[in-house]
PDB file of N, CA and C in Angstrom:
ATOM      1  N   MET A   1      10.942   8.408  20.361  1.00  0.00           N
ATOM      2  CA  MET A   1      10.338   8.987  19.193  1.00  0.00           C
ATOM      3  C   MET A   1      11.433   9.422  18.223  1.00  0.00           C
ATOM      4  N   SER A   2      11.255   9.116  16.951  1.00  0.00           N
ATOM      5  CA  SER A   2      12.231   9.485  15.928  1.00  0.00           C
ATOM      6  C   SER A   2      12.069  10.932  15.508  1.00  0.00           C
ATOM      7  N   THR A   3      13.117  11.467  14.968  1.00  0.00           N
ATOM      8  CA  THR A   3      13.080  12.797  14.386  1.00  0.00           C
ATOM      9  C   THR A   3      13.206  12.648  12.882  1.00  0.00           C
ATOM     10  N   TYR A   4      12.389  13.399  12.182  1.00  0.00           N
ATOM     11  CA  TYR A   4      12.417  13.395  10.728  1.00  0.00           C
ATOM     12  C   TYR A   4      12.870  14.760  10.242  1.00  0.00           C
ATOM     13  N   ARG A   5      13.696  14.754   9.210  1.00  0.00           N
ATOM     14  CA  ARG A   5      14.252  15.990   8.675  1.00  0.00           C
ATOM     15  C   ARG A   5      13.641  16.278   7.312  1.00  0.00           C
ATOM     16  N   VAL A   6      13.154  17.494   7.143  1.00  0.00           N
ATOM     17  CA  VAL A   6      12.620  17.919   5.856  1.00  0.00           C
ATOM     18  C   VAL A   6      13.784  18.503   5.066  1.00  0.00           C
ATOM     19  N   ILE A   7      14.015  17.928   3.885  1.00  0.00           N
ATOM     20  CA  ILE A   7      15.126  18.337   3.031  1.00  0.00           C
ATOM     21  C   ILE A   7      14.596  18.578   1.621  1.00  0.00           C
ATOM     22  N   ARG A   8      15.506  18.972   0.738  1.00  0.00           N
ATOM     23  CA  ARG A   8      15.130  19.201  -0.653  1.00  0.00           C
ATOM     24  C   ARG A   8      16.191  18.594  -1.559  1.00  0.00           C
ATOM     25  N   CYS A   9      15.733  17.868  -2.563  1.00  0.00           N
ATOM     26  CA  CYS A   9      16.657  17.243  -3.514  1.00  0.00           C
ATOM     27  C   CYS A   9      17.402  18.320  -4.288  1.00  0.00           C
ATOM     28  N   PRO A  10      18.732  18.240  -4.343  1.00  0.00           N
ATOM     29  CA  PRO A  10      19.484  19.236  -5.110  1.00  0.00           C
ATOM     30  C   PRO A  10      19.329  19.067  -6.622  1.00  0.00           C
ATOM     31  N   GLY A  11      18.850  17.911  -7.054  1.00  0.00           N
ATOM     32  CA  GLY A  11      18.683  17.669  -8.486  1.00  0.00           C
ATOM     33  C   GLY A  11      17.388  18.236  -9.038  1.00  0.00           C
ATOM     34  N   CYS A  12      16.246  17.780  -8.492  1.00  0.00           N
ATOM     35  CA  CYS A  12      14.943  18.198  -9.020  1.00  0.00           C
ATOM     36  C   CYS A  12      14.234  19.205  -8.118  1.00  0.00           C
ATOM     37  N   HIS A  13      14.800  19.497  -6.965  1.00  0.00           N
ATOM     38  CA  HIS A  13      14.270  20.468  -5.996  1.00  0.00           C
ATOM     39  C   HIS A  13      12.957  20.032  -5.349  1.00  0.00           C
ATOM     40  N   GLN A  14      12.683  18.745  -5.365  1.00  0.00           N
ATOM     41  CA  GLN A  14      11.498  18.216  -4.701  1.00  0.00           C
ATOM     42  C   GLN A  14      11.771  18.111  -3.200  1.00  0.00           C
ATOM     43  N   PHE A  15      10.808  18.547  -2.391  1.00  0.00           N
ATOM     44  CA  PHE A  15      10.937  18.378  -0.948  1.00  0.00           C
ATOM     45  C   PHE A  15      10.665  16.923  -0.592  1.00  0.00           C
ATOM     46  N   THR A  16      11.375  16.438   0.400  1.00  0.00           N
ATOM     47  CA  THR A  16      11.174  15.093   0.909  1.00  0.00           C
ATOM     48  C   THR A  16      11.615  15.080   2.368  1.00  0.00           C
ATOM     49  N   TYR A  17      11.545  13.945   3.011  1.00  0.00           N
ATOM     50  CA  TYR A  17      11.994  13.842   4.399  1.00  0.00           C
ATOM     51  C   TYR A  17      12.736  12.537   4.599  1.00  0.00           C
ATOM     52  N   THR A  18      13.498  12.516   5.660  1.00  0.00           N
ATOM     53  CA  THR A  18      14.274  11.329   6.007  1.00  0.00           C
ATOM     54  C   THR A  18      14.365  11.248   7.524  1.00  0.00           C
ATOM     55  N   ASP A  19      14.685  10.087   8.043  1.00  0.00           N
ATOM     56  CA  ASP A  19      14.856   9.997   9.494  1.00  0.00           C
ATOM     57  C   ASP A  19      16.238  10.516   9.872  1.00  0.00           C
ATOM     58  N   GLN A  20      16.441  10.675  11.144  1.00  0.00           N
ATOM     59  CA  GLN A  20      17.680  11.292  11.627  1.00  0.00           C
ATOM     60  C   GLN A  20      18.899  10.390  11.507  1.00  0.00           C
ATOM     61  N   TYR A  21      18.710   9.122  11.232  1.00  0.00           N
ATOM     62  CA  TYR A  21      19.827   8.180  11.232  1.00  0.00           C
ATOM     63  C   TYR A  21      20.446   7.954   9.858  1.00  0.00           C
ATOM     64  N   GLY A  22      19.770   8.382   8.813  1.00  0.00           N
ATOM     65  CA  GLY A  22      20.259   8.121   7.471  1.00  0.00           C
ATOM     66  C   GLY A  22      21.435   8.998   7.078  1.00  0.00           C
ATOM     67  N   LYS A  23      22.226   8.504   6.143  1.00  0.00           N
ATOM     68  CA  LYS A  23      23.317   9.290   5.585  1.00  0.00           C
ATOM     69  C   LYS A  23      23.036   9.629   4.126  1.00  0.00           C
ATOM     70  N   TRP A  24      22.150   8.851   3.499  1.00  0.00           N
ATOM     71  CA  TRP A  24      21.797   9.025   2.100  1.00  0.00           C
ATOM     72  C   TRP A  24      20.294   8.868   1.954  1.00  0.00           C
ATOM     73  N   LYS A  25      19.749   9.534   0.946  1.00  0.00           N
ATOM     74  CA  LYS A  25      18.330   9.413   0.635  1.00  0.00           C
ATOM     75  C   LYS A  25      18.199   9.358  -0.875  1.00  0.00           C
ATOM     76  N   LEU A  26      17.428   8.415  -1.362  1.00  0.00           N
ATOM     77  CA  LEU A  26      17.146   8.317  -2.785  1.00  0.00           C
ATOM     78  C   LEU A  26      15.921   9.181  -3.066  1.00  0.00           C
ATOM     79  N   CYS A  27      16.061  10.165  -3.945  1.00  0.00           N
ATOM     80  CA  CYS A  27      14.948  11.049  -4.264  1.00  0.00           C
ATOM     81  C   CYS A  27      13.833  10.234  -4.908  1.00  0.00           C
ATOM     82  N   PRO A  28      12.606  10.340  -4.374  1.00  0.00           N
ATOM     83  CA  PRO A  28      11.498   9.569  -4.935  1.00  0.00           C
ATOM     84  C   PRO A  28      11.040  10.082  -6.303  1.00  0.00           C
ATOM     85  N   VAL A  29      11.493  11.258  -6.710  1.00  0.00           N
ATOM     86  CA  VAL A  29      11.060  11.836  -7.981  1.00  0.00           C
ATOM     87  C   VAL A  29      12.078  11.590  -9.090  1.00  0.00           C
ATOM     88  N   CYS A  30      13.331  11.996  -8.860  1.00  0.00           N
ATOM     89  CA  CYS A  30      14.321  11.908  -9.944  1.00  0.00           C
ATOM     90  C   CYS A  30      15.345  10.788  -9.750  1.00  0.00           C
ATOM     91  N   GLY A  31      15.372  10.166  -8.568  1.00  0.00           N
ATOM     92  CA  GLY A  31      16.289   9.063  -8.333  1.00  0.00           C
ATOM     93  C   GLY A  31      17.689   9.470  -7.913  1.00  0.00           C
ATOM     94  N   GLU A  32      17.916  10.763  -7.721  1.00  0.00           N
ATOM     95  CA  GLU A  32      19.242  11.213  -7.293  1.00  0.00           C
ATOM     96  C   GLU A  32      19.538  10.707  -5.881  1.00  0.00           C
ATOM     97  N   VAL A  33      20.784  10.314  -5.664  1.00  0.00           N
ATOM     98  CA  VAL A  33      21.224   9.921  -4.333  1.00  0.00           C
ATOM     99  C   VAL A  33      21.641  11.197  -3.602  1.00  0.00           C
ATOM    100  N   ILE A  34      20.928  11.516  -2.526  1.00  0.00           N
ATOM    101  CA  ILE A  34      21.133  12.765  -1.796  1.00  0.00           C
ATOM    102  C   ILE A  34      22.005  12.481  -0.579  1.00  0.00           C
ATOM    103  N   SER A  35      23.112  13.186  -0.491  1.00  0.00           N
ATOM    104  CA  SER A  35      23.963  13.103   0.694  1.00  0.00           C
ATOM    105  C   SER A  35      23.349  13.995   1.764  1.00  0.00           C
ATOM    106  N   LEU A  36      22.934  13.403   2.861  1.00  0.00           N
ATOM    107  CA  LEU A  36      22.256  14.166   3.903  1.00  0.00           C
ATOM    108  C   LEU A  36      23.197  15.069   4.675  1.00  0.00           C
ATOM    109  N   GLU A  37      24.489  14.895   4.488  1.00  0.00           N
ATOM    110  CA  GLU A  37      25.464  15.780   5.122  1.00  0.00           C
ATOM    111  C   GLU A  37      25.644  17.067   4.323  1.00  0.00           C
ATOM    112  N   ARG A  38      25.168  17.074   3.074  1.00  0.00           N
ATOM    113  CA  ARG A  38      25.425  18.213   2.193  1.00  0.00           C
ATOM    114  C   ARG A  38      24.199  19.054   1.871  1.00  0.00           C
ATOM    115  N   VAL A  39      23.002  18.594   2.222  1.00  0.00           N
ATOM    116  CA  VAL A  39      21.799  19.372   1.915  1.00  0.00           C
ATOM    117  C   VAL A  39      21.330  20.121   3.156  1.00  0.00           C
ATOM    118  N   PRO A  40      20.745  21.292   2.950  1.00  0.00           N
ATOM    119  CA  PRO A  40      20.219  22.020   4.112  1.00  0.00           C
ATOM    120  C   PRO A  40      18.989  21.326   4.680  1.00  0.00           C
ATOM    121  N   ILE A  41      18.851  21.401   5.975  1.00  0.00           N
ATOM    122  CA  ILE A  41      17.686  20.849   6.661  1.00  0.00           C
ATOM    123  C   ILE A  41      16.725  22.003   6.909  1.00  0.00           C
ATOM    124  N   TYR A  42      15.534  21.898   6.348  1.00  0.00           N
ATOM    125  CA  TYR A  42      14.549  22.960   6.502  1.00  0.00           C
ATOM    126  C   TYR A  42      13.919  22.924   7.882  1.00  0.00           C
ATOM    127  N   LEU A  43      13.637  21.723   8.373  1.00  0.00           N
ATOM    128  CA  LEU A  43      12.987  21.592   9.670  1.00  0.00           C
ATOM    129  C   LEU A  43      13.140  20.159  10.160  1.00  0.00           C
ATOM    130  N   GLU A  44      13.188  19.985  11.465  1.00  0.00           N
ATOM    131  CA  GLU A  44      13.156  18.664  12.070  1.00  0.00           C
ATOM    132  C   GLU A  44      11.833  18.541  12.807  1.00  0.00           C
ATOM    133  N   VAL A  45      11.109  17.460  12.531  1.00  0.00           N
ATOM    134  CA  VAL A  45       9.805  17.231  13.147  1.00  0.00           C
ATOM    135  C   VAL A  45       9.804  15.875  13.833  1.00  0.00           C
ATOM    136  N   ASP A  46       8.819  15.656  14.690  1.00  0.00           N
ATOM    137  CA  ASP A  46       8.772  14.431  15.484  1.00  0.00           C
ATOM    138  C   ASP A  46       8.109  13.249  14.783  1.00  0.00           C
ATOM    139  N   ASP A  47       7.337  13.514  13.749  1.00  0.00           N
ATOM    140  CA  ASP A  47       6.546  12.453  13.138  1.00  0.00           C
ATOM    141  C   ASP A  47       6.566  12.619  11.619  1.00  0.00           C
ATOM    142  N   PHE A  48       6.600  11.502  10.902  1.00  0.00           N
ATOM    143  CA  PHE A  48       6.645  11.588   9.443  1.00  0.00           C
ATOM    144  C   PHE A  48       5.393  12.227   8.869  1.00  0.00           C
ATOM    145  N   SER A  49       4.250  12.052   9.533  1.00  0.00           N
ATOM    146  CA  SER A  49       3.022  12.659   9.022  1.00  0.00           C
ATOM    147  C   SER A  49       3.091  14.184   9.116  1.00  0.00           C
ATOM    148  N   GLN A  50       3.766  14.710  10.137  1.00  0.00           N
ATOM    149  CA  GLN A  50       3.972  16.152  10.233  1.00  0.00           C
ATOM    150  C   GLN A  50       4.863  16.634   9.090  1.00  0.00           C
ATOM    151  N   ALA A  51       5.870  15.844   8.749  1.00  0.00           N
ATOM    152  CA  ALA A  51       6.761  16.198   7.642  1.00  0.00           C
ATOM    153  C   ALA A  51       5.981  16.235   6.328  1.00  0.00           C
ATOM    154  N   GLU A  52       5.099  15.269   6.118  1.00  0.00           N
ATOM    155  CA  GLU A  52       4.310  15.231   4.889  1.00  0.00           C
ATOM    156  C   GLU A  52       3.395  16.444   4.772  1.00  0.00           C
ATOM    157  N   VAL A  53       2.747  16.811   5.869  1.00  0.00           N
ATOM    158  CA  VAL A  53       1.856  17.979   5.865  1.00  0.00           C
ATOM    159  C   VAL A  53       2.658  19.243   5.602  1.00  0.00           C
ATOM    160  N   LEU A  54       3.778  19.386   6.270  1.00  0.00           N
ATOM    161  CA  LEU A  54       4.619  20.568   6.091  1.00  0.00           C
ATOM    162  C   LEU A  54       5.087  20.693   4.641  1.00  0.00           C
ATOM    163  N   ILE A  55       5.520  19.596   4.053  1.00  0.00           N
ATOM    164  CA  ILE A  55       5.988  19.613   2.667  1.00  0.00           C
ATOM    165  C   ILE A  55       4.874  20.072   1.736  1.00  0.00           C
ATOM    166  N   LYS A  56       3.665  19.557   1.909  1.00  0.00           N
ATOM    167  CA  LYS A  56       2.541  19.968   1.064  1.00  0.00           C
ATOM    168  C   LYS A  56       2.248  21.455   1.209  1.00  0.00           C
ATOM    169  N   GLU A  57       2.290  21.951   2.432  1.00  0.00           N
ATOM    170  CA  GLU A  57       2.013  23.371   2.663  1.00  0.00           C
ATOM    171  C   GLU A  57       3.089  24.265   2.054  1.00  0.00           C
ATOM    172  N   VAL A  58       4.346  23.890   2.208  1.00  0.00           N
ATOM    173  CA  VAL A  58       5.440  24.686   1.636  1.00  0.00           C
ATOM    174  C   VAL A  58       5.362  24.674   0.114  1.00  0.00           C
ATOM    175  N   GLU A  59       5.109  23.520  -0.477  1.00  0.00           N
ATOM    176  CA  GLU A  59       4.989  23.451  -1.929  1.00  0.00           C
ATOM    177  C   GLU A  59       3.815  24.282  -2.430  1.00  0.00           C
ATOM    178  N   ARG A  60       2.694  24.252  -1.717  1.00  0.00           N
ATOM    179  CA  ARG A  60       1.533  25.051  -2.080  1.00  0.00           C
ATOM    180  C   ARG A  60       1.864  26.550  -1.992  1.00  0.00           C
ATOM    181  N   TYR A  61       2.552  26.944  -0.924  1.00  0.00           N
ATOM    182  CA  TYR A  61       2.944  28.335  -0.742  1.00  0.00           C
ATOM    183  C   TYR A  61       3.861  28.801  -1.869  1.00  0.00           C
ATOM    184  N   LEU A  62       4.863  28.000  -2.201  1.00  0.00           N
ATOM    185  CA  LEU A  62       5.795  28.373  -3.261  1.00  0.00           C
ATOM    186  C   LEU A  62       5.085  28.450  -4.611  1.00  0.00           C
ATOM    187  N   TYR A  63       4.179  27.541  -4.863  1.00  0.00           N
ATOM    188  CA  TYR A  63       3.444  27.553  -6.130  1.00  0.00           C
ATOM    189  C   TYR A  63       2.592  28.819  -6.243  1.00  0.00           C
ATOM    190  N   ARG A  64       1.850  29.148  -5.171  1.00  0.00           N
ATOM    191  CA  ARG A  64       0.989  30.333  -5.190  1.00  0.00           C
ATOM    192  C   ARG A  64       1.799  31.621  -5.317  1.00  0.00           C
ATOM    193  N   SER A  65       2.978  31.654  -4.705  1.00  0.00           N
ATOM    194  CA  SER A  65       3.783  32.869  -4.750  1.00  0.00           C
ATOM    195  C   SER A  65       4.669  32.944  -5.996  1.00  0.00           C
ATOM    196  N   GLY A  66       4.717  31.861  -6.756  1.00  0.00           N
ATOM    197  CA  GLY A  66       5.516  31.845  -7.978  1.00  0.00           C
ATOM    198  C   GLY A  66       7.015  31.836  -7.730  1.00  0.00           C
ATOM    199  N   ARG A  67       7.401  31.326  -6.575  1.00  0.00           N
ATOM    200  CA  ARG A  67       8.820  31.315  -6.209  1.00  0.00           C
ATOM    201  C   ARG A  67       9.354  29.894  -6.223  1.00  0.00           C
ATOM    202  N   LEU A  68      10.690  29.797  -6.237  1.00  0.00           N
ATOM    203  CA  LEU A  68      11.336  28.488  -6.283  1.00  0.00           C
ATOM    204  C   LEU A  68      11.758  27.969  -4.923  1.00  0.00           C
ATOM    205  N   ASP A  69      12.008  28.868  -3.954  1.00  0.00           N
ATOM    206  CA  ASP A  69      12.492  28.425  -2.652  1.00  0.00           C
ATOM    207  C   ASP A  69      12.101  29.438  -1.586  1.00  0.00           C
ATOM    208  N   LEU A  70      12.234  28.995  -0.344  1.00  0.00           N
ATOM    209  CA  LEU A  70      11.976  29.859   0.799  1.00  0.00           C
ATOM    210  C   LEU A  70      13.200  30.710   1.091  1.00  0.00           C
ATOM    211  N   THR A  71      12.970  31.869   1.645  1.00  0.00           N
ATOM    212  CA  THR A  71      14.083  32.703   2.095  1.00  0.00           C
ATOM    213  C   THR A  71      14.554  32.173   3.452  1.00  0.00           C
ATOM    214  N   PRO A  72      15.768  32.499   3.866  1.00  0.00           N
ATOM    215  CA  PRO A  72      16.221  32.091   5.201  1.00  0.00           C
ATOM    216  C   PRO A  72      15.291  32.594   6.312  1.00  0.00           C
ATOM    217  N   ALA A  73      14.736  33.790   6.138  1.00  0.00           N
ATOM    218  CA  ALA A  73      13.801  34.324   7.139  1.00  0.00           C
ATOM    219  C   ALA A  73      12.528  33.487   7.209  1.00  0.00           C
ATOM    220  N   GLU A  74      12.058  32.998   6.067  1.00  0.00           N
ATOM    221  CA  GLU A  74      10.857  32.150   6.054  1.00  0.00           C
ATOM    222  C   GLU A  74      11.134  30.797   6.705  1.00  0.00           C
ATOM    223  N   VAL A  75      12.317  30.254   6.473  1.00  0.00           N
ATOM    224  CA  VAL A  75      12.684  28.988   7.122  1.00  0.00           C
ATOM    225  C   VAL A  75      12.710  29.179   8.645  1.00  0.00           C
ATOM    226  N   ASP A  76      13.292  30.285   9.098  1.00  0.00           N
ATOM    227  CA  ASP A  76      13.320  30.573  10.538  1.00  0.00           C
ATOM    228  C   ASP A  76      11.909  30.726  11.095  1.00  0.00           C
ATOM    229  N   LEU A  77      11.022  31.374  10.346  1.00  0.00           N
ATOM    230  CA  LEU A  77       9.643  31.552  10.783  1.00  0.00           C
ATOM    231  C   LEU A  77       8.922  30.213  10.909  1.00  0.00           C
ATOM    232  N   ILE A  78       9.136  29.316   9.952  1.00  0.00           N
ATOM    233  CA  ILE A  78       8.524  27.987  10.020  1.00  0.00           C
ATOM    234  C   ILE A  78       9.015  27.252  11.264  1.00  0.00           C
ATOM    235  N   ARG A  79      10.294  27.330  11.536  1.00  0.00           N
ATOM    236  CA  ARG A  79      10.852  26.673  12.730  1.00  0.00           C
ATOM    237  C   ARG A  79      10.246  27.243  14.004  1.00  0.00           C
ATOM    238  N   GLU A  80      10.115  28.572  14.075  1.00  0.00           N
ATOM    239  CA  GLU A  80       9.520  29.208  15.259  1.00  0.00           C
ATOM    240  C   GLU A  80       8.071  28.782  15.447  1.00  0.00           C
ATOM    241  N   LYS A  81       7.308  28.774  14.358  1.00  0.00           N
ATOM    242  CA  LYS A  81       5.891  28.390  14.454  1.00  0.00           C
ATOM    243  C   LYS A  81       5.748  26.923  14.855  1.00  0.00           C
ATOM    244  N   TYR A  82       6.621  26.067  14.334  1.00  0.00           N
ATOM    245  CA  TYR A  82       6.572  24.658  14.702  1.00  0.00           C
ATOM    246  C   TYR A  82       6.863  24.480  16.189  1.00  0.00           C
ATOM    247  N   LEU A  83       7.867  25.177  16.708  1.00  0.00           N
ATOM    248  CA  LEU A  83       8.183  25.093  18.137  1.00  0.00           C
ATOM    249  C   LEU A  83       7.039  25.612  18.991  1.00  0.00           C
ATOM    250  N   ALA A  84       6.414  26.706  18.561  1.00  0.00           N
ATOM    251  CA  ALA A  84       5.265  27.249  19.307  1.00  0.00           C
ATOM    252  C   ALA A  84       4.120  26.252  19.305  1.00  0.00           C
ATOM    253  N   TRP A  85       3.892  25.596  18.164  1.00  0.00           N
ATOM    254  CA  TRP A  85       2.831  24.599  18.081  1.00  0.00           C
ATOM    255  C   TRP A  85       3.130  23.421  19.012  1.00  0.00           C
ATOM    256  N   LEU A  86       4.396  22.991  19.062  1.00  0.00           N
ATOM    257  CA  LEU A  86       4.775  21.888  19.957  1.00  0.00           C
ATOM    258  C   LEU A  86       4.536  22.246  21.426  1.00  0.00           C
ATOM    259  N   HIS A  87       4.905  23.451  21.806  1.00  0.00           N
ATOM    260  CA  HIS A  87       4.718  23.869  23.192  1.00  0.00           C
ATOM    261  C   HIS A  87       3.241  24.018  23.541  1.00  0.00           C
ATOM    262  N   ALA A  88       2.433  24.437  22.590  1.00  0.00           N
ATOM    263  CA  ALA A  88       0.987  24.587  22.825  1.00  0.00           C
ATOM    264  C   ALA A  88       0.313  23.225  22.932  1.00  0.00           C
ATOM    265  N   ALA A  89       0.866  22.223  22.246  1.00  0.00           N
ATOM    266  CA  ALA A  89       0.271  20.879  22.251  1.00  0.00           C
ATOM    267  C   ALA A  89       0.561  20.143  23.558  1.00  0.00           C
ATOM    268  N   VAL A  90       1.534  20.592  24.321  1.00  0.00           N
ATOM    269  CA  VAL A  90       1.924  19.904  25.560  1.00  0.00           C
ATOM    270  C   VAL A  90       1.032  20.244  26.686  1.00  0.00           C
TER     271      VAL A  90
END
């Protein structure tokens, strides 16, 4: 099973995802070439569909709260909840 990484474009700040093997990602919104070694990884998930759902939820949360990004504590909370969900699904 592949691992997908949720990242954010440093140019337009759009969330996107990539597989674990890539070194570069072309932003689907602004076309910026993203170096995957230089951007923070918000979360690693097992399936691309999980990454898509997570991205939609985070964008919805940020829009409703009127904020531009998650705090480090919120990123940690998302990671904890994802791990708990994985363990509950087993």
